[in-house]
Amino acid sequence: MASFDLQPLFNRWAAAWSSHDPEQLLALFTTDCIFEDVPFGVVACGQEELRAFASVAFAAVPDFKIELTRSFAAEKWAAIEWVMSGTHQGDFPGMPATGKCFSSVCGSSILELDSEKIRRESDYWDAASFMRQVGMLPS
């Protein structure tokens, strides 16, 4: 599968994260998916655990937005770079809400693909920039 064939999937992925709708996001993943948020140390196995993670994230940042910047795919693997923004309005585990906005927080995702679905996603993003912008670390 060439990278140009996967651009619609990548666009749906960004739209799903920006939609704040866990069901829209889950539609992109296999039932036995693995989702890993490396900075938060979260590993969600299967759609139920991913739903729970997404629900907490969407509640904490109700205006969460992802914009794709680059992508690459080869066979069953893909890498996408993105920028996220939003307002930290709800609590994350161990991170009480600050009410502050964050923007231009860069990240990337490594995706393992299974046909037209995502089997595994590992996210790597700049948690220090996020924490500085929401007031949890000094500038």
N, C-alpha and C. Protein backbone atom coordinates (compact mmCIF):
# COMPACT_ATOMS: atom_id res chain seq x y z
N MET A 1 0.85 -1.17 0.00
CA MET A 1 0.00 0.00 0.00
C MET A 1 0.90 1.24 0.00
N ALA A 2 0.80 2.06 -0.98
CA ALA A 2 1.63 3.26 -1.09
C ALA A 2 1.11 4.36 -0.18
N SER A 3 2.00 5.31 0.18
CA SER A 3 1.63 6.36 1.12
C SER A 3 0.47 7.21 0.61
N PHE A 4 0.39 7.43 -0.71
CA PHE A 4 -0.71 8.26 -1.22
C PHE A 4 -2.05 7.57 -1.04
N ASP A 5 -2.08 6.24 -0.97
CA ASP A 5 -3.31 5.51 -0.70
C ASP A 5 -3.80 5.73 0.74
N LEU A 6 -2.87 6.05 1.64
CA LEU A 6 -3.20 6.16 3.04
C LEU A 6 -3.54 7.58 3.49
N GLN A 7 -3.35 8.56 2.64
CA GLN A 7 -3.63 9.93 3.05
C GLN A 7 -5.07 10.11 3.55
N PRO A 8 -6.07 9.51 2.90
CA PRO A 8 -7.43 9.64 3.46
C PRO A 8 -7.55 9.07 4.88
N LEU A 9 -6.85 7.96 5.18
CA LEU A 9 -6.86 7.42 6.53
C LEU A 9 -6.23 8.40 7.50
N PHE A 10 -5.10 8.98 7.12
CA PHE A 10 -4.44 9.96 7.99
C PHE A 10 -5.34 11.16 8.24
N ASN A 11 -6.02 11.61 7.20
CA ASN A 11 -6.94 12.75 7.35
C ASN A 11 -8.11 12.39 8.28
N ARG A 12 -8.64 11.17 8.14
CA ARG A 12 -9.72 10.72 9.04
C ARG A 12 -9.23 10.60 10.47
N TRP A 13 -7.97 10.18 10.64
CA TRP A 13 -7.37 10.06 11.96
C TRP A 13 -7.32 11.43 12.64
N ALA A 14 -6.80 12.44 11.93
CA ALA A 14 -6.73 13.80 12.50
C ALA A 14 -8.13 14.34 12.78
N ALA A 15 -9.06 14.10 11.87
CA ALA A 15 -10.43 14.56 12.07
C ALA A 15 -11.08 13.87 13.26
N ALA A 16 -10.79 12.59 13.45
CA ALA A 16 -11.38 11.84 14.57
C ALA A 16 -10.87 12.36 15.91
N TRP A 17 -9.55 12.60 16.02
CA TRP A 17 -9.02 13.16 17.26
C TRP A 17 -9.58 14.55 17.50
N SER A 18 -9.79 15.31 16.45
CA SER A 18 -10.32 16.68 16.58
C SER A 18 -11.82 16.71 16.78
N SER A 19 -12.50 15.58 16.58
CA SER A 19 -13.97 15.53 16.67
C SER A 19 -14.47 15.44 18.11
N HIS A 20 -13.61 14.97 19.02
CA HIS A 20 -13.99 14.76 20.41
C HIS A 20 -15.02 13.64 20.56
N ASP A 21 -15.07 12.75 19.58
CA ASP A 21 -16.03 11.65 19.56
C ASP A 21 -15.26 10.32 19.58
N PRO A 22 -15.23 9.64 20.74
CA PRO A 22 -14.49 8.37 20.81
C PRO A 22 -14.93 7.35 19.76
N GLU A 23 -16.22 7.33 19.42
CA GLU A 23 -16.70 6.34 18.44
C GLU A 23 -16.12 6.60 17.05
N GLN A 24 -15.98 7.86 16.68
CA GLN A 24 -15.36 8.19 15.39
C GLN A 24 -13.91 7.73 15.37
N LEU A 25 -13.23 7.90 16.48
CA LEU A 25 -11.84 7.45 16.59
C LEU A 25 -11.74 5.93 16.52
N LEU A 26 -12.59 5.24 17.29
CA LEU A 26 -12.55 3.78 17.34
C LEU A 26 -12.82 3.13 15.99
N ALA A 27 -13.57 3.79 15.15
CA ALA A 27 -13.88 3.25 13.83
C ALA A 27 -12.62 3.06 12.99
N LEU A 28 -11.54 3.72 13.34
CA LEU A 28 -10.29 3.63 12.58
C LEU A 28 -9.39 2.49 13.04
N PHE A 29 -9.72 1.87 14.18
CA PHE A 29 -8.85 0.88 14.81
C PHE A 29 -9.42 -0.52 14.73
N THR A 30 -8.52 -1.52 14.71
CA THR A 30 -8.95 -2.91 14.80
C THR A 30 -9.49 -3.16 16.21
N THR A 31 -10.29 -4.20 16.38
CA THR A 31 -10.85 -4.49 17.70
C THR A 31 -9.78 -4.85 18.71
N ASP A 32 -8.67 -5.45 18.25
CA ASP A 32 -7.58 -5.85 19.15
C ASP A 32 -6.43 -4.84 19.14
N CYS A 33 -6.74 -3.58 18.91
CA CYS A 33 -5.72 -2.54 18.78
C CYS A 33 -4.93 -2.34 20.07
N ILE A 34 -3.78 -1.73 19.88
CA ILE A 34 -2.95 -1.29 21.00
C ILE A 34 -2.65 0.18 20.76
N PHE A 35 -2.94 1.00 21.76
CA PHE A 35 -2.67 2.43 21.68
C PHE A 35 -1.70 2.78 22.81
N GLU A 36 -0.64 3.49 22.47
CA GLU A 36 0.37 3.86 23.47
C GLU A 36 0.62 5.35 23.41
N ASP A 37 0.42 6.02 24.53
CA ASP A 37 0.78 7.43 24.68
C ASP A 37 2.05 7.42 25.53
N VAL A 38 3.20 7.54 24.87
CA VAL A 38 4.48 7.36 25.54
C VAL A 38 4.70 8.40 26.64
N PRO A 39 4.49 9.71 26.41
CA PRO A 39 4.74 10.68 27.48
C PRO A 39 3.89 10.44 28.73
N PHE A 40 2.64 10.03 28.58
CA PHE A 40 1.78 9.78 29.73
C PHE A 40 1.94 8.36 30.29
N GLY A 41 2.69 7.52 29.59
CA GLY A 41 2.89 6.15 30.04
C GLY A 41 1.63 5.30 29.98
N VAL A 42 0.76 5.60 29.03
CA VAL A 42 -0.50 4.89 28.88
C VAL A 42 -0.38 3.84 27.79
N VAL A 43 -0.85 2.64 28.08
CA VAL A 43 -1.00 1.61 27.06
C VAL A 43 -2.44 1.11 27.16
N ALA A 44 -3.19 1.30 26.09
CA ALA A 44 -4.58 0.85 26.03
C ALA A 44 -4.65 -0.33 25.08
N CYS A 45 -5.12 -1.46 25.59
CA CYS A 45 -5.23 -2.67 24.79
C CYS A 45 -6.69 -2.91 24.46
N GLY A 46 -7.02 -2.87 23.18
CA GLY A 46 -8.38 -3.09 22.74
C GLY A 46 -9.19 -1.80 22.70
N GLN A 47 -10.31 -1.87 22.01
CA GLN A 47 -11.12 -0.68 21.80
C GLN A 47 -11.73 -0.13 23.08
N GLU A 48 -12.09 -0.98 24.04
CA GLU A 48 -12.68 -0.47 25.28
C GLU A 48 -11.70 0.41 26.04
N GLU A 49 -10.46 -0.03 26.15
CA GLU A 49 -9.45 0.77 26.85
C GLU A 49 -9.12 2.04 26.07
N LEU A 50 -9.09 1.95 24.74
CA LEU A 50 -8.86 3.15 23.93
C LEU A 50 -10.03 4.12 24.10
N ARG A 51 -11.24 3.61 24.13
CA ARG A 51 -12.42 4.47 24.36
C ARG A 51 -12.28 5.21 25.69
N ALA A 52 -11.87 4.50 26.74
CA ALA A 52 -11.72 5.11 28.06
C ALA A 52 -10.65 6.21 28.03
N PHE A 53 -9.52 5.93 27.39
CA PHE A 53 -8.46 6.94 27.30
C PHE A 53 -8.96 8.16 26.53
N ALA A 54 -9.57 7.94 25.37
CA ALA A 54 -10.05 9.06 24.55
C ALA A 54 -11.10 9.87 25.29
N SER A 55 -11.98 9.21 26.02
CA SER A 55 -13.02 9.92 26.76
C SER A 55 -12.41 10.85 27.81
N VAL A 56 -11.40 10.38 28.52
CA VAL A 56 -10.71 11.22 29.51
C VAL A 56 -10.01 12.38 28.82
N ALA A 57 -9.31 12.09 27.72
CA ALA A 57 -8.59 13.15 27.00
C ALA A 57 -9.56 14.21 26.46
N PHE A 58 -10.67 13.77 25.87
CA PHE A 58 -11.64 14.72 25.30
C PHE A 58 -12.31 15.54 26.40
N ALA A 59 -12.54 14.94 27.57
CA ALA A 59 -13.13 15.69 28.68
C ALA A 59 -12.15 16.72 29.23
N ALA A 60 -10.87 16.36 29.28
CA ALA A 60 -9.85 17.26 29.81
C ALA A 60 -9.54 18.41 28.84
N VAL A 61 -9.64 18.13 27.55
CA VAL A 61 -9.34 19.15 26.53
C VAL A 61 -10.48 19.13 25.51
N PRO A 62 -11.61 19.75 25.84
CA PRO A 62 -12.79 19.65 24.98
C PRO A 62 -12.64 20.34 23.62
N ASP A 63 -11.64 21.20 23.46
CA ASP A 63 -11.40 21.84 22.17
C ASP A 63 -10.13 21.30 21.51
N PHE A 64 -9.76 20.08 21.86
CA PHE A 64 -8.55 19.43 21.33
C PHE A 64 -8.56 19.44 19.80
N LYS A 65 -7.42 19.77 19.22
CA LYS A 65 -7.31 19.80 17.76
C LYS A 65 -5.95 19.25 17.36
N ILE A 66 -5.96 18.45 16.31
CA ILE A 66 -4.72 17.90 15.71
C ILE A 66 -4.67 18.35 14.26
N GLU A 67 -3.50 18.82 13.86
CA GLU A 67 -3.26 19.15 12.45
C GLU A 67 -2.07 18.34 11.97
N LEU A 68 -2.24 17.63 10.88
CA LEU A 68 -1.15 16.85 10.29
C LEU A 68 -0.15 17.78 9.62
N THR A 69 1.13 17.44 9.74
CA THR A 69 2.16 18.22 9.05
C THR A 69 2.92 17.39 8.02
N ARG A 70 3.13 16.09 8.33
CA ARG A 70 3.84 15.21 7.39
C ARG A 70 3.38 13.78 7.61
N SER A 71 3.57 12.95 6.58
CA SER A 71 3.26 11.53 6.74
C SER A 71 4.12 10.72 5.79
N PHE A 72 4.30 9.46 6.18
CA PHE A 72 5.06 8.52 5.37
C PHE A 72 4.49 7.13 5.64
N ALA A 73 4.40 6.33 4.62
CA ALA A 73 3.91 4.96 4.80
C ALA A 73 4.67 4.01 3.89
N ALA A 74 4.87 2.79 4.38
CA ALA A 74 5.49 1.73 3.61
C ALA A 74 4.90 0.41 4.08
N GLU A 75 4.24 -0.29 3.17
CA GLU A 75 3.61 -1.57 3.49
C GLU A 75 2.65 -1.42 4.66
N LYS A 76 2.98 -2.02 5.81
CA LYS A 76 2.03 -2.00 6.93
C LYS A 76 2.43 -1.03 8.04
N TRP A 77 3.40 -0.16 7.79
CA TRP A 77 3.84 0.81 8.79
C TRP A 77 3.70 2.22 8.25
N ALA A 78 3.40 3.15 9.14
CA ALA A 78 3.31 4.55 8.76
C ALA A 78 3.82 5.42 9.90
N ALA A 79 4.27 6.60 9.54
CA ALA A 79 4.68 7.61 10.52
C ALA A 79 3.99 8.91 10.14
N ILE A 80 3.39 9.55 11.11
CA ILE A 80 2.77 10.85 10.86
C ILE A 80 3.26 11.84 11.90
N GLU A 81 3.49 13.06 11.45
CA GLU A 81 3.84 14.16 12.35
C GLU A 81 2.65 15.08 12.43
N TRP A 82 2.49 15.70 13.60
CA TRP A 82 1.32 16.52 13.81
C TRP A 82 1.61 17.60 14.85
N VAL A 83 0.68 18.53 14.95
CA VAL A 83 0.73 19.60 15.94
C VAL A 83 -0.62 19.59 16.65
N MET A 84 -0.60 19.67 17.99
CA MET A 84 -1.85 19.68 18.73
C MET A 84 -2.02 20.99 19.49
N SER A 85 -3.28 21.30 19.75
CA SER A 85 -3.61 22.51 20.51
C SER A 85 -4.91 22.27 21.24
N GLY A 86 -5.19 23.13 22.20
CA GLY A 86 -6.44 23.04 22.96
C GLY A 86 -6.34 23.81 24.26
N THR A 87 -7.32 23.56 25.13
CA THR A 87 -7.37 24.21 26.43
C THR A 87 -7.50 23.13 27.50
N HIS A 88 -6.61 23.17 28.48
CA HIS A 88 -6.58 22.18 29.56
C HIS A 88 -7.66 22.51 30.58
N GLN A 89 -8.90 22.11 30.29
CA GLN A 89 -10.04 22.48 31.12
C GLN A 89 -10.46 21.41 32.11
N GLY A 90 -9.96 20.20 31.96
CA GLY A 90 -10.32 19.12 32.88
C GLY A 90 -9.07 18.41 33.37
N ASP A 91 -9.24 17.60 34.40
CA ASP A 91 -8.10 16.91 35.00
C ASP A 91 -7.66 15.71 34.18
N PHE A 92 -6.34 15.54 34.10
CA PHE A 92 -5.73 14.29 33.69
C PHE A 92 -5.26 13.63 34.98
N PRO A 93 -5.05 12.33 34.99
CA PRO A 93 -4.53 11.70 36.22
C PRO A 93 -3.23 12.38 36.66
N GLY A 94 -3.23 12.92 37.86
CA GLY A 94 -2.05 13.59 38.40
C GLY A 94 -1.81 14.98 37.84
N MET A 95 -2.71 15.48 37.01
CA MET A 95 -2.56 16.81 36.40
C MET A 95 -3.87 17.58 36.51
N PRO A 96 -4.06 18.33 37.57
CA PRO A 96 -5.30 19.08 37.70
C PRO A 96 -5.43 20.12 36.59
N ALA A 97 -6.66 20.40 36.21
CA ALA A 97 -6.94 21.37 35.15
C ALA A 97 -6.34 22.73 35.50
N THR A 98 -5.80 23.40 34.49
CA THR A 98 -5.25 24.74 34.68
C THR A 98 -6.09 25.81 33.99
N GLY A 99 -6.93 25.39 33.04
CA GLY A 99 -7.72 26.36 32.28
C GLY A 99 -6.91 27.10 31.24
N LYS A 100 -5.66 26.73 31.05
CA LYS A 100 -4.79 27.43 30.11
C LYS A 100 -4.73 26.73 28.76
N CYS A 101 -4.48 27.53 27.74
CA CYS A 101 -4.38 27.02 26.36
C CYS A 101 -2.97 26.54 26.07
N PHE A 102 -2.88 25.58 25.17
CA PHE A 102 -1.60 25.15 24.62
C PHE A 102 -1.74 25.13 23.10
N SER A 103 -0.64 25.36 22.43
CA SER A 103 -0.66 25.35 20.96
C SER A 103 0.72 24.97 20.44
N SER A 104 0.74 24.55 19.21
CA SER A 104 1.99 24.20 18.53
C SER A 104 2.82 23.17 19.29
N VAL A 105 2.13 22.23 19.97
CA VAL A 105 2.83 21.13 20.63
C VAL A 105 3.01 20.03 19.59
N CYS A 106 4.25 19.77 19.25
CA CYS A 106 4.57 18.83 18.17
C CYS A 106 4.59 17.40 18.67
N GLY A 107 4.21 16.50 17.77
CA GLY A 107 4.24 15.09 18.09
C GLY A 107 4.31 14.25 16.84
N SER A 108 4.48 12.97 17.06
CA SER A 108 4.47 12.02 15.94
C SER A 108 3.86 10.72 16.42
N SER A 109 3.34 9.98 15.46
CA SER A 109 2.73 8.69 15.74
C SER A 109 3.31 7.66 14.78
N ILE A 110 3.63 6.51 15.32
CA ILE A 110 4.03 5.37 14.52
C ILE A 110 2.82 4.45 14.49
N LEU A 111 2.39 4.09 13.30
CA LEU A 111 1.19 3.28 13.13
C LEU A 111 1.54 1.94 12.49
N GLU A 112 0.98 0.88 13.06
CA GLU A 112 1.00 -0.42 12.41
C GLU A 112 -0.38 -0.61 11.79
N LEU A 113 -0.40 -0.89 10.50
CA LEU A 113 -1.66 -0.95 9.76
C LEU A 113 -2.05 -2.39 9.47
N ASP A 114 -3.35 -2.60 9.47
CA ASP A 114 -3.93 -3.90 9.12
C ASP A 114 -5.06 -3.60 8.14
N SER A 115 -4.77 -3.76 6.87
CA SER A 115 -5.69 -3.37 5.80
C SER A 115 -6.00 -1.89 5.92
N GLU A 116 -7.24 -1.54 6.12
CA GLU A 116 -7.65 -0.14 6.18
C GLU A 116 -7.77 0.37 7.61
N LYS A 117 -7.25 -0.38 8.58
CA LYS A 117 -7.40 -0.02 10.00
C LYS A 117 -6.03 0.11 10.66
N ILE A 118 -6.05 0.76 11.82
CA ILE A 118 -4.84 0.90 12.64
C ILE A 118 -4.84 -0.21 13.68
N ARG A 119 -3.79 -1.01 13.66
CA ARG A 119 -3.67 -2.10 14.65
C ARG A 119 -2.93 -1.62 15.89
N ARG A 120 -1.94 -0.76 15.69
CA ARG A 120 -1.17 -0.22 16.81
C ARG A 120 -0.81 1.22 16.52
N GLU A 121 -0.90 2.05 17.54
CA GLU A 121 -0.47 3.45 17.45
C GLU A 121 0.38 3.76 18.66
N SER A 122 1.58 4.29 18.41
CA SER A 122 2.46 4.75 19.48
C SER A 122 2.71 6.23 19.25
N ASP A 123 2.27 7.04 20.23
CA ASP A 123 2.39 8.50 20.13
C ASP A 123 3.56 9.00 20.96
N TYR A 124 4.33 9.90 20.37
CA TYR A 124 5.46 10.56 21.00
C TYR A 124 5.24 12.06 20.81
N TRP A 125 5.17 12.81 21.90
CA TRP A 125 4.93 14.25 21.76
C TRP A 125 5.65 15.00 22.86
N ASP A 126 5.77 16.31 22.66
CA ASP A 126 6.56 17.18 23.51
C ASP A 126 5.79 17.55 24.78
N ALA A 127 5.84 16.67 25.77
CA ALA A 127 5.12 16.89 27.01
C ALA A 127 5.65 18.11 27.78
N ALA A 128 6.94 18.38 27.68
CA ALA A 128 7.50 19.53 28.39
C ALA A 128 6.91 20.84 27.86
N SER A 129 6.78 20.97 26.55
CA SER A 129 6.16 22.18 25.97
C SER A 129 4.71 22.30 26.42
N PHE A 130 3.99 21.19 26.39
CA PHE A 130 2.61 21.19 26.86
C PHE A 130 2.55 21.68 28.31
N MET A 131 3.37 21.10 29.17
CA MET A 131 3.33 21.43 30.60
C MET A 131 3.76 22.87 30.87
N ARG A 132 4.71 23.39 30.11
CA ARG A 132 5.09 24.80 30.25
C ARG A 132 3.93 25.71 29.85
N GLN A 133 3.28 25.37 28.74
CA GLN A 133 2.20 26.23 28.23
C GLN A 133 0.98 26.24 29.15
N VAL A 134 0.72 25.14 29.83
CA VAL A 134 -0.45 25.10 30.73
C VAL A 134 -0.06 25.47 32.17
N GLY A 135 1.18 25.89 32.38
CA GLY A 135 1.59 26.41 33.68
C GLY A 135 2.03 25.37 34.69
N MET A 136 2.35 24.17 34.24
CA MET A 136 2.77 23.12 35.17
C MET A 136 4.29 23.02 35.28
N LEU A 137 5.00 23.70 34.39
CA LEU A 137 6.46 23.82 34.45
C LEU A 137 6.82 25.29 34.23
N PRO A 138 7.93 25.73 34.79
CA PRO A 138 8.33 27.13 34.53
C PRO A 138 8.66 27.36 33.07
N SER A 139 8.43 28.57 32.60
CA SER A 139 8.73 28.92 31.19
C SER A 139 10.20 28.87 30.92
